């Protein structure tokens, strides 16, 4: 957005934190999209069992499309984050007095809340994946059928994503206290390697999950 609007650049802590929150927003949107894709996949399996072939095909294609969109959104978030930070780094310096402004502390709190929201989104997403396995087991029992594919390992994937959500909360807390220390010192820069590494982990997890869930049946 900074580049698209050609807005003036400055190494202001509020701008850095705004970019960080936007980045986390990309990740949350991706998780919501993938969660909805998993939900549609459940409906697709049910429609297939009840011989609603046209509905099943439609739901399958929509689920695949949403999964791809969700994964690509993480890539878009990483790319946008990289170029926005690079653009800010080319801006003018701000005085330490401006960095210790009370509004900077409130911006740090908002960024911390963005980390918490992302953590909650991951935990909920993990439960969605774990319950997908339970849903498939119930279908097998109710309709007395055997669905192809080893869907029991979905529990492990769900637990793994929940652990990533808890890890996200820990990272967000550490980043918050680090931010406060920097602001107290009158100097702030985004911990870029942290955000890039975190984004790469989320991307790989979602990519594996996309291929796995859509090929599980």
N, C-alpha and C. Protein backbone atom coordinates (compact mmCIF):
# COMPACT_ATOMS: atom_id res chain seq x y z
N UNK A 1 0.83 -1.20 0.00
CA UNK A 1 0.00 0.00 0.00
C UNK A 1 0.86 1.26 0.00
N UNK A 2 1.95 1.23 0.79
CA UNK A 2 2.84 2.39 0.84
C UNK A 2 3.41 2.69 -0.54
N UNK A 3 3.82 1.64 -1.23
CA UNK A 3 4.42 1.81 -2.55
C UNK A 3 3.36 2.18 -3.58
N UNK A 4 2.21 1.50 -3.52
CA UNK A 4 1.14 1.74 -4.50
C UNK A 4 0.64 3.18 -4.44
N UNK A 5 0.52 3.71 -3.23
CA UNK A 5 0.04 5.08 -3.06
C UNK A 5 1.16 6.12 -3.15
N UNK A 6 2.40 5.63 -3.22
CA UNK A 6 3.58 6.51 -3.26
C UNK A 6 3.57 7.49 -2.09
N UNK A 7 3.27 6.96 -0.93
CA UNK A 7 3.24 7.79 0.27
C UNK A 7 4.66 8.11 0.72
N UNK A 8 4.86 9.26 1.36
CA UNK A 8 6.19 9.60 1.84
C UNK A 8 6.65 8.60 2.89
N UNK A 9 7.92 8.26 2.84
CA UNK A 9 8.46 7.24 3.73
C UNK A 9 9.25 7.86 4.87
N UNK A 10 9.10 7.28 6.06
CA UNK A 10 9.87 7.70 7.23
C UNK A 10 10.05 6.48 8.12
N UNK A 11 11.17 6.44 8.81
CA UNK A 11 11.46 5.31 9.69
C UNK A 11 10.73 5.49 11.02
N UNK A 12 9.43 5.59 10.91
CA UNK A 12 8.56 5.81 12.06
C UNK A 12 8.10 4.47 12.62
N UNK A 13 8.15 4.33 13.94
CA UNK A 13 7.77 3.06 14.57
C UNK A 13 6.33 2.69 14.26
N UNK A 14 5.45 3.69 14.17
CA UNK A 14 4.04 3.40 13.89
C UNK A 14 3.86 2.79 12.50
N UNK A 15 4.66 3.26 11.54
CA UNK A 15 4.57 2.71 10.18
C UNK A 15 5.08 1.28 10.16
N UNK A 16 6.20 1.04 10.85
CA UNK A 16 6.73 -0.33 10.94
C UNK A 16 5.68 -1.28 11.52
N UNK A 17 5.07 -0.86 12.63
CA UNK A 17 4.09 -1.72 13.30
C UNK A 17 2.83 -1.90 12.47
N UNK A 18 2.47 -0.88 11.72
CA UNK A 18 1.31 -0.99 10.83
C UNK A 18 1.55 -2.05 9.76
N UNK A 19 2.76 -2.07 9.22
CA UNK A 19 3.13 -3.08 8.22
C UNK A 19 3.11 -4.48 8.85
N UNK A 20 3.58 -4.58 10.09
CA UNK A 20 3.57 -5.86 10.79
C UNK A 20 2.14 -6.38 10.98
N UNK A 21 1.24 -5.49 11.37
CA UNK A 21 -0.16 -5.91 11.58
C UNK A 21 -0.82 -6.31 10.26
N UNK A 22 -0.48 -5.60 9.19
CA UNK A 22 -1.02 -5.96 7.88
C UNK A 22 -0.54 -7.35 7.47
N UNK A 23 0.72 -7.63 7.74
CA UNK A 23 1.31 -8.93 7.43
C UNK A 23 0.59 -10.05 8.18
N UNK A 24 0.36 -9.84 9.48
CA UNK A 24 -0.36 -10.83 10.27
C UNK A 24 -1.81 -10.97 9.79
N UNK A 25 -2.37 -9.88 9.28
CA UNK A 25 -3.72 -9.92 8.72
C UNK A 25 -3.79 -10.82 7.50
N UNK A 26 -2.77 -10.77 6.66
CA UNK A 26 -2.69 -11.68 5.50
C UNK A 26 -2.72 -13.14 5.96
N UNK A 27 -1.96 -13.43 7.00
CA UNK A 27 -1.89 -14.80 7.50
C UNK A 27 -3.24 -15.25 8.05
N UNK A 28 -3.90 -14.38 8.81
CA UNK A 28 -5.21 -14.74 9.37
C UNK A 28 -6.23 -14.97 8.26
N UNK A 29 -6.23 -14.11 7.25
CA UNK A 29 -7.16 -14.29 6.14
C UNK A 29 -6.92 -15.62 5.44
N UNK A 30 -5.65 -15.97 5.29
CA UNK A 30 -5.30 -17.24 4.66
C UNK A 30 -5.83 -18.41 5.48
N UNK A 31 -5.70 -18.32 6.80
CA UNK A 31 -6.18 -19.40 7.67
C UNK A 31 -7.69 -19.52 7.62
N UNK A 32 -8.38 -18.38 7.59
CA UNK A 32 -9.85 -18.42 7.49
C UNK A 32 -10.28 -19.07 6.17
N UNK A 33 -9.57 -18.72 5.10
CA UNK A 33 -9.90 -19.28 3.79
C UNK A 33 -9.70 -20.79 3.76
N UNK A 34 -8.57 -21.25 4.32
CA UNK A 34 -8.29 -22.68 4.36
C UNK A 34 -9.28 -23.42 5.26
N UNK A 35 -9.68 -22.79 6.36
CA UNK A 35 -10.67 -23.41 7.25
C UNK A 35 -11.99 -23.61 6.52
N UNK A 36 -12.39 -22.61 5.74
CA UNK A 36 -13.64 -22.73 4.99
C UNK A 36 -13.51 -23.81 3.91
N UNK A 37 -12.32 -23.92 3.33
CA UNK A 37 -12.08 -24.97 2.33
C UNK A 37 -12.23 -26.36 2.94
N UNK A 38 -11.74 -26.52 4.17
CA UNK A 38 -11.88 -27.81 4.86
C UNK A 38 -13.36 -28.09 5.14
N UNK A 39 -14.10 -27.06 5.54
CA UNK A 39 -15.54 -27.21 5.78
C UNK A 39 -16.26 -27.65 4.50
N UNK A 40 -15.92 -27.03 3.37
CA UNK A 40 -16.52 -27.43 2.10
C UNK A 40 -16.14 -28.85 1.73
N UNK A 41 -14.93 -29.23 2.11
CA UNK A 41 -14.49 -30.60 1.83
C UNK A 41 -15.35 -31.61 2.59
N UNK A 42 -15.73 -31.24 3.82
CA UNK A 42 -16.63 -32.10 4.59
C UNK A 42 -17.96 -32.26 3.86
N UNK A 43 -18.51 -31.13 3.40
CA UNK A 43 -19.78 -31.18 2.68
C UNK A 43 -19.65 -31.98 1.40
N UNK A 44 -18.49 -31.87 0.75
CA UNK A 44 -18.26 -32.60 -0.51
C UNK A 44 -18.27 -34.11 -0.27
N UNK A 45 -17.64 -34.54 0.83
CA UNK A 45 -17.63 -35.97 1.15
C UNK A 45 -19.05 -36.46 1.42
N UNK A 46 -19.81 -35.67 2.19
CA UNK A 46 -21.19 -36.04 2.50
C UNK A 46 -22.05 -36.09 1.23
N UNK A 47 -21.87 -35.11 0.35
CA UNK A 47 -22.63 -35.09 -0.90
C UNK A 47 -22.28 -36.28 -1.78
N UNK A 48 -21.01 -36.67 -1.76
CA UNK A 48 -20.57 -37.81 -2.56
C UNK A 48 -21.20 -39.11 -2.06
N UNK A 49 -21.25 -39.25 -0.74
CA UNK A 49 -21.83 -40.46 -0.15
C UNK A 49 -23.33 -40.55 -0.43
N UNK A 50 -24.00 -39.41 -0.41
CA UNK A 50 -25.46 -39.38 -0.65
C UNK A 50 -25.81 -39.28 -2.14
N UNK A 51 -24.80 -39.49 -2.99
CA UNK A 51 -25.01 -39.53 -4.44
C UNK A 51 -25.42 -38.18 -5.04
N UNK A 52 -25.07 -37.09 -4.40
CA UNK A 52 -25.30 -35.76 -4.97
C UNK A 52 -24.05 -35.38 -5.78
N UNK A 53 -23.89 -36.01 -6.91
CA UNK A 53 -22.65 -35.93 -7.67
C UNK A 53 -22.33 -34.51 -8.12
N UNK A 54 -23.32 -33.80 -8.67
CA UNK A 54 -23.07 -32.45 -9.17
C UNK A 54 -22.67 -31.51 -8.03
N UNK A 55 -23.36 -31.64 -6.90
CA UNK A 55 -23.01 -30.82 -5.73
C UNK A 55 -21.62 -31.18 -5.24
N UNK A 56 -21.31 -32.47 -5.25
CA UNK A 56 -20.00 -32.93 -4.79
C UNK A 56 -18.88 -32.35 -5.64
N UNK A 57 -19.06 -32.38 -6.95
CA UNK A 57 -18.04 -31.85 -7.87
C UNK A 57 -17.85 -30.35 -7.66
N UNK A 58 -18.97 -29.63 -7.51
CA UNK A 58 -18.90 -28.19 -7.30
C UNK A 58 -18.16 -27.85 -6.02
N UNK A 59 -18.51 -28.53 -4.93
CA UNK A 59 -17.87 -28.27 -3.64
C UNK A 59 -16.38 -28.61 -3.69
N UNK A 60 -16.05 -29.67 -4.41
CA UNK A 60 -14.64 -30.05 -4.52
C UNK A 60 -13.83 -28.97 -5.22
N UNK A 61 -14.36 -28.45 -6.32
CA UNK A 61 -13.63 -27.42 -7.07
C UNK A 61 -13.52 -26.12 -6.28
N UNK A 62 -14.59 -25.76 -5.57
CA UNK A 62 -14.54 -24.54 -4.75
C UNK A 62 -13.53 -24.70 -3.62
N UNK A 63 -13.51 -25.88 -2.99
CA UNK A 63 -12.56 -26.14 -1.91
C UNK A 63 -11.12 -26.06 -2.41
N UNK A 64 -10.87 -26.64 -3.57
CA UNK A 64 -9.53 -26.58 -4.15
C UNK A 64 -9.13 -25.13 -4.44
N UNK A 65 -10.07 -24.38 -5.02
CA UNK A 65 -9.79 -22.98 -5.34
C UNK A 65 -9.48 -22.16 -4.10
N UNK A 66 -10.28 -22.36 -3.04
CA UNK A 66 -10.06 -21.62 -1.80
C UNK A 66 -8.74 -22.00 -1.15
N UNK A 67 -8.38 -23.27 -1.22
CA UNK A 67 -7.10 -23.71 -0.65
C UNK A 67 -5.92 -23.05 -1.36
N UNK A 68 -6.01 -22.98 -2.68
CA UNK A 68 -4.94 -22.35 -3.45
C UNK A 68 -4.88 -20.85 -3.13
N UNK A 69 -6.05 -20.21 -3.08
CA UNK A 69 -6.09 -18.78 -2.76
C UNK A 69 -5.52 -18.52 -1.37
N UNK A 70 -5.89 -19.36 -0.40
CA UNK A 70 -5.39 -19.19 0.96
C UNK A 70 -3.88 -19.31 1.04
N UNK A 71 -3.32 -20.28 0.34
CA UNK A 71 -1.86 -20.46 0.34
C UNK A 71 -1.16 -19.30 -0.36
N UNK A 72 -1.72 -18.86 -1.48
CA UNK A 72 -1.12 -17.74 -2.22
C UNK A 72 -1.18 -16.44 -1.43
N UNK A 73 -2.18 -16.30 -0.56
CA UNK A 73 -2.29 -15.08 0.23
C UNK A 73 -1.12 -14.95 1.19
N UNK A 74 -0.62 -16.07 1.70
CA UNK A 74 0.55 -16.01 2.56
C UNK A 74 1.76 -15.52 1.76
N UNK A 75 1.90 -16.03 0.54
CA UNK A 75 2.99 -15.58 -0.33
C UNK A 75 2.86 -14.09 -0.59
N UNK A 76 1.64 -13.64 -0.89
CA UNK A 76 1.40 -12.21 -1.13
C UNK A 76 1.75 -11.39 0.09
N UNK A 77 1.42 -11.92 1.28
CA UNK A 77 1.74 -11.21 2.51
C UNK A 77 3.23 -11.07 2.72
N UNK A 78 3.98 -12.14 2.45
CA UNK A 78 5.44 -12.11 2.62
C UNK A 78 6.07 -11.11 1.64
N UNK A 79 5.62 -11.15 0.39
CA UNK A 79 6.17 -10.24 -0.62
C UNK A 79 5.85 -8.79 -0.29
N UNK A 80 4.59 -8.54 0.09
CA UNK A 80 4.18 -7.18 0.45
C UNK A 80 4.97 -6.68 1.65
N UNK A 81 5.14 -7.54 2.64
CA UNK A 81 5.89 -7.18 3.84
C UNK A 81 7.33 -6.81 3.48
N UNK A 82 7.96 -7.61 2.64
CA UNK A 82 9.35 -7.37 2.25
C UNK A 82 9.52 -6.01 1.57
N UNK A 83 8.67 -5.73 0.60
CA UNK A 83 8.81 -4.48 -0.15
C UNK A 83 8.40 -3.26 0.69
N UNK A 84 7.41 -3.42 1.56
CA UNK A 84 7.02 -2.30 2.42
C UNK A 84 8.14 -1.93 3.39
N UNK A 85 8.75 -2.95 4.00
CA UNK A 85 9.86 -2.69 4.93
C UNK A 85 11.03 -2.05 4.19
N UNK A 86 11.31 -2.55 3.00
CA UNK A 86 12.40 -1.99 2.20
C UNK A 86 12.12 -0.53 1.86
N UNK A 87 10.85 -0.23 1.57
CA UNK A 87 10.46 1.14 1.24
C UNK A 87 10.61 2.05 2.46
N UNK A 88 10.22 1.56 3.63
CA UNK A 88 10.35 2.36 4.85
C UNK A 88 11.81 2.63 5.17
N UNK A 89 12.66 1.63 4.96
CA UNK A 89 14.08 1.79 5.26
C UNK A 89 14.72 2.89 4.42
N UNK A 90 14.12 3.21 3.30
CA UNK A 90 14.65 4.28 2.45
C UNK A 90 14.15 5.66 2.85
N UNK A 91 13.37 5.73 3.92
CA UNK A 91 12.81 7.00 4.36
C UNK A 91 13.73 7.78 5.29
N UNK A 92 13.21 8.89 5.75
CA UNK A 92 13.99 9.76 6.64
C UNK A 92 13.98 9.21 8.06
N UNK A 93 14.99 9.56 8.83
CA UNK A 93 15.06 9.16 10.23
C UNK A 93 14.11 10.04 11.06
N UNK A 94 13.65 9.49 12.16
CA UNK A 94 12.83 10.26 13.09
C UNK A 94 13.59 10.41 14.40
N UNK A 95 13.30 11.45 15.13
CA UNK A 95 14.02 11.71 16.37
C UNK A 95 13.59 10.72 17.46
N UNK A 96 14.48 10.40 18.40
CA UNK A 96 14.14 9.49 19.50
C UNK A 96 12.92 9.96 20.30
N UNK A 97 12.72 11.28 20.33
CA UNK A 97 11.59 11.83 21.08
C UNK A 97 10.26 11.38 20.46
N UNK A 98 10.24 11.29 19.13
CA UNK A 98 9.02 10.85 18.45
C UNK A 98 8.75 9.37 18.69
N UNK A 99 9.82 8.59 18.86
CA UNK A 99 9.66 7.15 19.07
C UNK A 99 9.05 6.86 20.44
N UNK A 100 9.36 7.70 21.43
CA UNK A 100 8.84 7.48 22.79
C UNK A 100 7.47 8.11 23.00
N UNK A 101 6.84 8.52 21.92
CA UNK A 101 5.49 9.08 22.00
C UNK A 101 4.52 8.02 22.55
N UNK A 102 3.56 8.40 23.42
CA UNK A 102 2.60 7.43 23.96
C UNK A 102 1.85 6.65 22.88
N UNK A 103 1.64 7.27 21.72
CA UNK A 103 0.93 6.59 20.65
C UNK A 103 1.71 5.39 20.12
N UNK A 104 3.03 5.44 20.25
CA UNK A 104 3.86 4.32 19.81
C UNK A 104 3.61 3.10 20.71
N UNK A 105 3.49 3.37 22.01
CA UNK A 105 3.21 2.28 22.94
C UNK A 105 1.86 1.64 22.65
N UNK A 106 0.87 2.48 22.32
CA UNK A 106 -0.45 1.95 21.98
C UNK A 106 -0.40 1.16 20.67
N UNK A 107 0.45 1.61 19.73
CA UNK A 107 0.62 0.87 18.48
C UNK A 107 1.25 -0.49 18.75
N UNK A 108 2.19 -0.53 19.72
CA UNK A 108 2.82 -1.80 20.10
C UNK A 108 1.78 -2.75 20.70
N UNK A 109 0.86 -2.20 21.48
CA UNK A 109 -0.20 -3.03 22.06
C UNK A 109 -1.11 -3.59 20.97
N UNK A 110 -1.42 -2.76 19.98
CA UNK A 110 -2.28 -3.23 18.88
C UNK A 110 -1.59 -4.34 18.09
N UNK A 111 -0.28 -4.20 17.91
CA UNK A 111 0.48 -5.25 17.20
C UNK A 111 0.49 -6.54 18.01
N UNK A 112 0.63 -6.41 19.33
CA UNK A 112 0.59 -7.59 20.19
C UNK A 112 -0.77 -8.28 20.10
N UNK A 113 -1.84 -7.49 20.06
CA UNK A 113 -3.18 -8.06 19.92
C UNK A 113 -3.34 -8.76 18.56
N UNK A 114 -2.66 -8.24 17.53
CA UNK A 114 -2.69 -8.90 16.22
C UNK A 114 -2.03 -10.28 16.30
N UNK A 115 -0.94 -10.37 17.07
CA UNK A 115 -0.30 -11.67 17.29
C UNK A 115 -1.25 -12.63 18.01
N UNK A 116 -1.97 -12.11 19.01
CA UNK A 116 -2.91 -12.94 19.75
C UNK A 116 -4.03 -13.44 18.84
N UNK A 117 -4.56 -12.55 18.00
CA UNK A 117 -5.62 -12.96 17.07
C UNK A 117 -5.12 -14.03 16.10
N UNK A 118 -3.88 -13.87 15.64
CA UNK A 118 -3.31 -14.88 14.74
C UNK A 118 -3.14 -16.22 15.45
N UNK A 119 -2.71 -16.16 16.71
CA UNK A 119 -2.57 -17.38 17.51
C UNK A 119 -3.91 -18.09 17.67
N UNK A 120 -4.96 -17.33 17.97
CA UNK A 120 -6.29 -17.91 18.13
C UNK A 120 -6.77 -18.53 16.82
N UNK A 121 -6.51 -17.83 15.70
CA UNK A 121 -6.91 -18.35 14.39
C UNK A 121 -6.23 -19.69 14.10
N UNK A 122 -4.95 -19.80 14.45
CA UNK A 122 -4.22 -21.05 14.22
C UNK A 122 -4.77 -22.18 15.10
N UNK A 123 -5.04 -21.86 16.36
CA UNK A 123 -5.56 -22.88 17.27
C UNK A 123 -6.92 -23.39 16.80
N UNK A 124 -7.79 -22.46 16.41
CA UNK A 124 -9.11 -22.85 15.89
C UNK A 124 -8.95 -23.68 14.62
N UNK A 125 -8.04 -23.26 13.75
CA UNK A 125 -7.78 -23.99 12.50
C UNK A 125 -7.32 -25.41 12.80
N UNK A 126 -6.46 -25.55 13.82
CA UNK A 126 -5.98 -26.88 14.21
C UNK A 126 -7.12 -27.78 14.66
N UNK A 127 -8.05 -27.22 15.43
CA UNK A 127 -9.21 -28.00 15.87
C UNK A 127 -10.10 -28.38 14.68
N UNK A 128 -10.21 -27.47 13.71
CA UNK A 128 -11.00 -27.78 12.51
C UNK A 128 -10.42 -28.99 11.79
N UNK A 129 -9.09 -29.02 11.65
CA UNK A 129 -8.43 -30.14 10.97
C UNK A 129 -8.60 -31.43 11.77
N UNK A 130 -8.42 -31.33 13.09
CA UNK A 130 -8.54 -32.51 13.94
C UNK A 130 -9.96 -33.08 13.89
N UNK A 131 -10.96 -32.21 13.90
CA UNK A 131 -12.35 -32.65 13.85
C UNK A 131 -12.73 -33.20 12.47
N UNK A 132 -11.96 -32.82 11.45
CA UNK A 132 -12.20 -33.38 10.12
C UNK A 132 -12.00 -34.90 10.16
N UNK A 133 -10.97 -35.34 10.86
CA UNK A 133 -10.71 -36.78 11.00
C UNK A 133 -11.86 -37.46 11.74
N UNK A 134 -12.35 -36.82 12.80
CA UNK A 134 -13.48 -37.36 13.56
C UNK A 134 -14.73 -37.44 12.68
N UNK A 135 -14.93 -36.41 11.85
CA UNK A 135 -16.07 -36.38 10.94
C UNK A 135 -16.03 -37.55 9.96
N UNK A 136 -14.85 -37.83 9.42
CA UNK A 136 -14.71 -38.94 8.48
C UNK A 136 -14.97 -40.29 9.15
N UNK A 137 -14.50 -40.43 10.39
CA UNK A 137 -14.74 -41.67 11.12
C UNK A 137 -16.23 -41.90 11.36
N UNK A 138 -16.93 -40.81 11.70
CA UNK A 138 -18.37 -40.93 11.94
C UNK A 138 -19.11 -41.31 10.65
N UNK A 139 -18.67 -40.75 9.53
CA UNK A 139 -19.30 -41.11 8.25
C UNK A 139 -19.11 -42.60 7.95
N UNK A 140 -17.93 -43.11 8.23
CA UNK A 140 -17.66 -44.53 7.99
C UNK A 140 -18.57 -45.42 8.84
N UNK A 141 -18.81 -44.99 10.07
CA UNK A 141 -19.65 -45.79 10.97
C UNK A 141 -21.13 -45.70 10.58
N UNK A 142 -21.59 -44.49 10.29
CA UNK A 142 -23.01 -44.28 9.99
C UNK A 142 -23.41 -44.98 8.69
N UNK A 143 -22.58 -44.82 7.65
CA UNK A 143 -22.91 -45.37 6.34
C UNK A 143 -22.29 -46.75 6.10
N UNK A 144 -21.55 -47.24 7.11
CA UNK A 144 -20.92 -48.56 7.02
C UNK A 144 -20.08 -48.71 5.75
N UNK A 145 -19.19 -47.73 5.55
CA UNK A 145 -18.32 -47.72 4.38
C UNK A 145 -16.88 -47.50 4.84
N UNK A 146 -15.97 -47.65 3.90
CA UNK A 146 -14.56 -47.36 4.19
C UNK A 146 -14.06 -46.34 3.18
N UNK A 147 -13.73 -45.18 3.67
CA UNK A 147 -13.22 -44.12 2.79
C UNK A 147 -11.75 -44.38 2.50
N UNK A 148 -11.39 -44.22 1.26
CA UNK A 148 -9.99 -44.46 0.88
C UNK A 148 -9.10 -43.37 1.45
N UNK A 149 -7.86 -43.72 1.71
CA UNK A 149 -6.90 -42.77 2.26
C UNK A 149 -6.76 -42.96 3.76
N UNK A 150 -5.56 -42.69 4.27
CA UNK A 150 -5.30 -42.81 5.70
C UNK A 150 -5.56 -41.47 6.37
N UNK A 151 -6.82 -41.26 6.77
CA UNK A 151 -7.17 -39.96 7.34
C UNK A 151 -6.90 -39.87 8.83
N UNK A 152 -6.43 -40.97 9.46
CA UNK A 152 -6.17 -40.92 10.90
C UNK A 152 -5.04 -39.96 11.25
N UNK A 153 -4.13 -39.74 10.34
CA UNK A 153 -3.01 -38.84 10.62
C UNK A 153 -3.42 -37.38 10.65
N UNK A 154 -4.69 -37.08 10.31
CA UNK A 154 -5.17 -35.70 10.39
C UNK A 154 -5.12 -35.18 11.82
N UNK A 155 -5.27 -36.09 12.79
CA UNK A 155 -5.19 -35.68 14.20
C UNK A 155 -3.82 -35.10 14.48
N UNK A 156 -2.78 -35.77 13.99
CA UNK A 156 -1.42 -35.27 14.20
C UNK A 156 -1.20 -33.92 13.56
N UNK A 157 -1.75 -33.73 12.36
CA UNK A 157 -1.61 -32.44 11.68
C UNK A 157 -2.34 -31.35 12.46
N UNK A 158 -3.54 -31.67 12.95
CA UNK A 158 -4.30 -30.70 13.73
C UNK A 158 -3.57 -30.29 14.99
N UNK A 159 -3.00 -31.28 15.69
CA UNK A 159 -2.25 -30.98 16.92
C UNK A 159 -1.03 -30.14 16.59
N UNK A 160 -0.36 -30.44 15.48
CA UNK A 160 0.82 -29.67 15.07
C UNK A 160 0.46 -28.20 14.84
N UNK A 161 -0.67 -27.95 14.18
CA UNK A 161 -1.09 -26.58 13.92
C UNK A 161 -1.48 -25.87 15.22
N UNK A 162 -2.10 -26.60 16.14
CA UNK A 162 -2.42 -26.02 17.44
C UNK A 162 -1.14 -25.61 18.17
N UNK A 163 -0.11 -26.46 18.09
CA UNK A 163 1.17 -26.13 18.71
C UNK A 163 1.80 -24.89 18.07
N UNK A 164 1.65 -24.76 16.74
CA UNK A 164 2.14 -23.56 16.07
C UNK A 164 1.39 -22.33 16.59
N UNK A 165 0.08 -22.49 16.85
CA UNK A 165 -0.70 -21.39 17.41
C UNK A 165 -0.20 -20.98 18.77
N UNK A 166 0.11 -21.95 19.63
CA UNK A 166 0.66 -21.64 20.95
C UNK A 166 2.04 -21.00 20.83
N UNK A 167 2.84 -21.51 19.88
CA UNK A 167 4.17 -20.95 19.63
C UNK A 167 4.05 -19.51 19.14
N UNK A 168 3.01 -19.24 18.35
CA UNK A 168 2.76 -17.88 17.87
C UNK A 168 2.51 -16.93 19.03
N UNK A 169 1.77 -17.39 20.02
CA UNK A 169 1.50 -16.57 21.20
C UNK A 169 2.78 -16.25 21.95
N UNK A 170 3.66 -17.24 22.05
CA UNK A 170 4.95 -17.03 22.73
C UNK A 170 5.79 -16.03 21.95
N UNK A 171 5.87 -16.20 20.62
CA UNK A 171 6.64 -15.28 19.79
C UNK A 171 6.09 -13.86 19.90
N UNK A 172 4.76 -13.73 19.85
CA UNK A 172 4.13 -12.42 19.96
C UNK A 172 4.45 -11.74 21.27
N UNK A 173 4.47 -12.52 22.36
CA UNK A 173 4.79 -11.96 23.68
C UNK A 173 6.23 -11.49 23.73
N UNK A 174 7.14 -12.33 23.24
CA UNK A 174 8.56 -11.95 23.22
C UNK A 174 8.77 -10.71 22.36
N UNK A 175 8.13 -10.68 21.20
CA UNK A 175 8.26 -9.53 20.30
C UNK A 175 7.71 -8.26 20.93
N UNK A 176 6.63 -8.39 21.71
CA UNK A 176 6.04 -7.22 22.38
C UNK A 176 7.02 -6.61 23.38
N UNK A 177 7.61 -7.44 24.23
CA UNK A 177 8.56 -6.91 25.22
C UNK A 177 9.81 -6.36 24.55
N UNK A 178 10.22 -6.99 23.47
CA UNK A 178 11.37 -6.48 22.71
C UNK A 178 11.04 -5.11 22.13
N UNK A 179 9.82 -4.97 21.62
CA UNK A 179 9.37 -3.69 21.05
C UNK A 179 9.37 -2.60 22.11
N UNK A 180 8.85 -2.92 23.29
CA UNK A 180 8.79 -1.93 24.37
C UNK A 180 10.19 -1.48 24.76
N UNK A 181 11.13 -2.42 24.83
CA UNK A 181 12.51 -2.05 25.17
C UNK A 181 13.10 -1.12 24.12
N UNK A 182 12.85 -1.40 22.85
CA UNK A 182 13.37 -0.54 21.79
C UNK A 182 12.73 0.84 21.84
N UNK A 183 11.43 0.88 22.07
CA UNK A 183 10.74 2.18 22.13
C UNK A 183 11.26 2.98 23.32
N UNK A 184 11.47 2.32 24.45
CA UNK A 184 12.03 3.01 25.62
C UNK A 184 13.39 3.62 25.30
N UNK A 185 14.14 2.93 24.43
CA UNK A 185 15.47 3.42 24.05
C UNK A 185 15.41 4.48 22.96
N UNK A 186 14.22 4.75 22.42
CA UNK A 186 14.07 5.78 21.39
C UNK A 186 14.46 5.33 20.00
N UNK A 187 14.44 4.01 19.77
CA UNK A 187 14.82 3.49 18.45
C UNK A 187 14.01 2.22 18.19
N UNK A 188 13.39 2.13 16.99
CA UNK A 188 12.62 0.92 16.68
C UNK A 188 12.83 0.51 15.23
N UNK A 189 13.06 -0.80 15.05
CA UNK A 189 13.11 -1.40 13.73
C UNK A 189 12.40 -2.75 13.80
N UNK A 190 11.69 -3.09 12.74
CA UNK A 190 10.99 -4.38 12.69
C UNK A 190 11.99 -5.53 12.69
N UNK A 191 11.67 -6.55 13.46
CA UNK A 191 12.49 -7.76 13.51
C UNK A 191 12.18 -8.58 12.26
N UNK A 192 12.72 -8.18 11.13
CA UNK A 192 12.30 -8.75 9.84
C UNK A 192 12.54 -10.25 9.73
N UNK A 193 13.68 -10.73 10.24
CA UNK A 193 13.96 -12.16 10.09
C UNK A 193 12.93 -12.99 10.85
N UNK A 194 12.43 -12.46 11.97
CA UNK A 194 11.40 -13.17 12.74
C UNK A 194 10.12 -13.32 11.93
N UNK A 195 9.68 -12.21 11.32
CA UNK A 195 8.44 -12.24 10.54
C UNK A 195 8.58 -13.10 9.29
N UNK A 196 9.74 -13.02 8.64
CA UNK A 196 9.95 -13.81 7.43
C UNK A 196 10.00 -15.31 7.74
N UNK A 197 10.73 -15.66 8.80
CA UNK A 197 10.82 -17.07 9.19
C UNK A 197 9.46 -17.61 9.60
N UNK A 198 8.74 -16.80 10.37
CA UNK A 198 7.40 -17.22 10.81
C UNK A 198 6.47 -17.42 9.61
N UNK A 199 6.52 -16.48 8.68
CA UNK A 199 5.69 -16.60 7.48
C UNK A 199 6.03 -17.83 6.66
N UNK A 200 7.33 -18.14 6.57
CA UNK A 200 7.76 -19.32 5.81
C UNK A 200 7.24 -20.60 6.46
N UNK A 201 7.27 -20.65 7.80
CA UNK A 201 6.77 -21.83 8.51
C UNK A 201 5.27 -22.01 8.28
N UNK A 202 4.52 -20.91 8.39
CA UNK A 202 3.07 -20.97 8.17
C UNK A 202 2.77 -21.37 6.72
N UNK A 203 3.54 -20.82 5.78
CA UNK A 203 3.32 -21.15 4.37
C UNK A 203 3.54 -22.64 4.11
N UNK A 204 4.64 -23.19 4.62
CA UNK A 204 4.93 -24.60 4.40
C UNK A 204 3.86 -25.49 5.04
N UNK A 205 3.43 -25.11 6.25
CA UNK A 205 2.40 -25.90 6.93
C UNK A 205 1.09 -25.89 6.14
N UNK A 206 0.71 -24.72 5.65
CA UNK A 206 -0.53 -24.60 4.88
C UNK A 206 -0.41 -25.29 3.53
N UNK A 207 0.78 -25.23 2.93
CA UNK A 207 0.98 -25.88 1.63
C UNK A 207 0.84 -27.39 1.76
N UNK A 208 1.50 -27.95 2.77
CA UNK A 208 1.41 -29.39 3.01
C UNK A 208 -0.03 -29.78 3.30
N UNK A 209 -0.68 -28.98 4.13
CA UNK A 209 -2.07 -29.28 4.50
C UNK A 209 -2.99 -29.20 3.29
N UNK A 210 -2.76 -28.23 2.43
CA UNK A 210 -3.60 -28.08 1.23
C UNK A 210 -3.53 -29.33 0.36
N UNK A 211 -2.33 -29.81 0.09
CA UNK A 211 -2.17 -31.01 -0.72
C UNK A 211 -2.71 -32.25 0.01
N UNK A 212 -2.51 -32.29 1.31
CA UNK A 212 -2.91 -33.47 2.07
C UNK A 212 -4.43 -33.59 2.18
N UNK A 213 -5.07 -32.51 2.62
CA UNK A 213 -6.51 -32.56 2.83
C UNK A 213 -7.26 -32.78 1.52
N UNK A 214 -6.83 -32.12 0.46
CA UNK A 214 -7.55 -32.23 -0.80
C UNK A 214 -7.32 -33.57 -1.51
N UNK A 215 -6.33 -34.33 -1.03
CA UNK A 215 -6.08 -35.64 -1.63
C UNK A 215 -6.38 -36.78 -0.65
N UNK A 216 -6.95 -36.44 0.51
CA UNK A 216 -7.10 -37.43 1.56
C UNK A 216 -8.16 -38.47 1.23
N UNK A 217 -9.21 -38.06 0.50
CA UNK A 217 -10.32 -38.99 0.25
C UNK A 217 -10.01 -39.86 -0.97
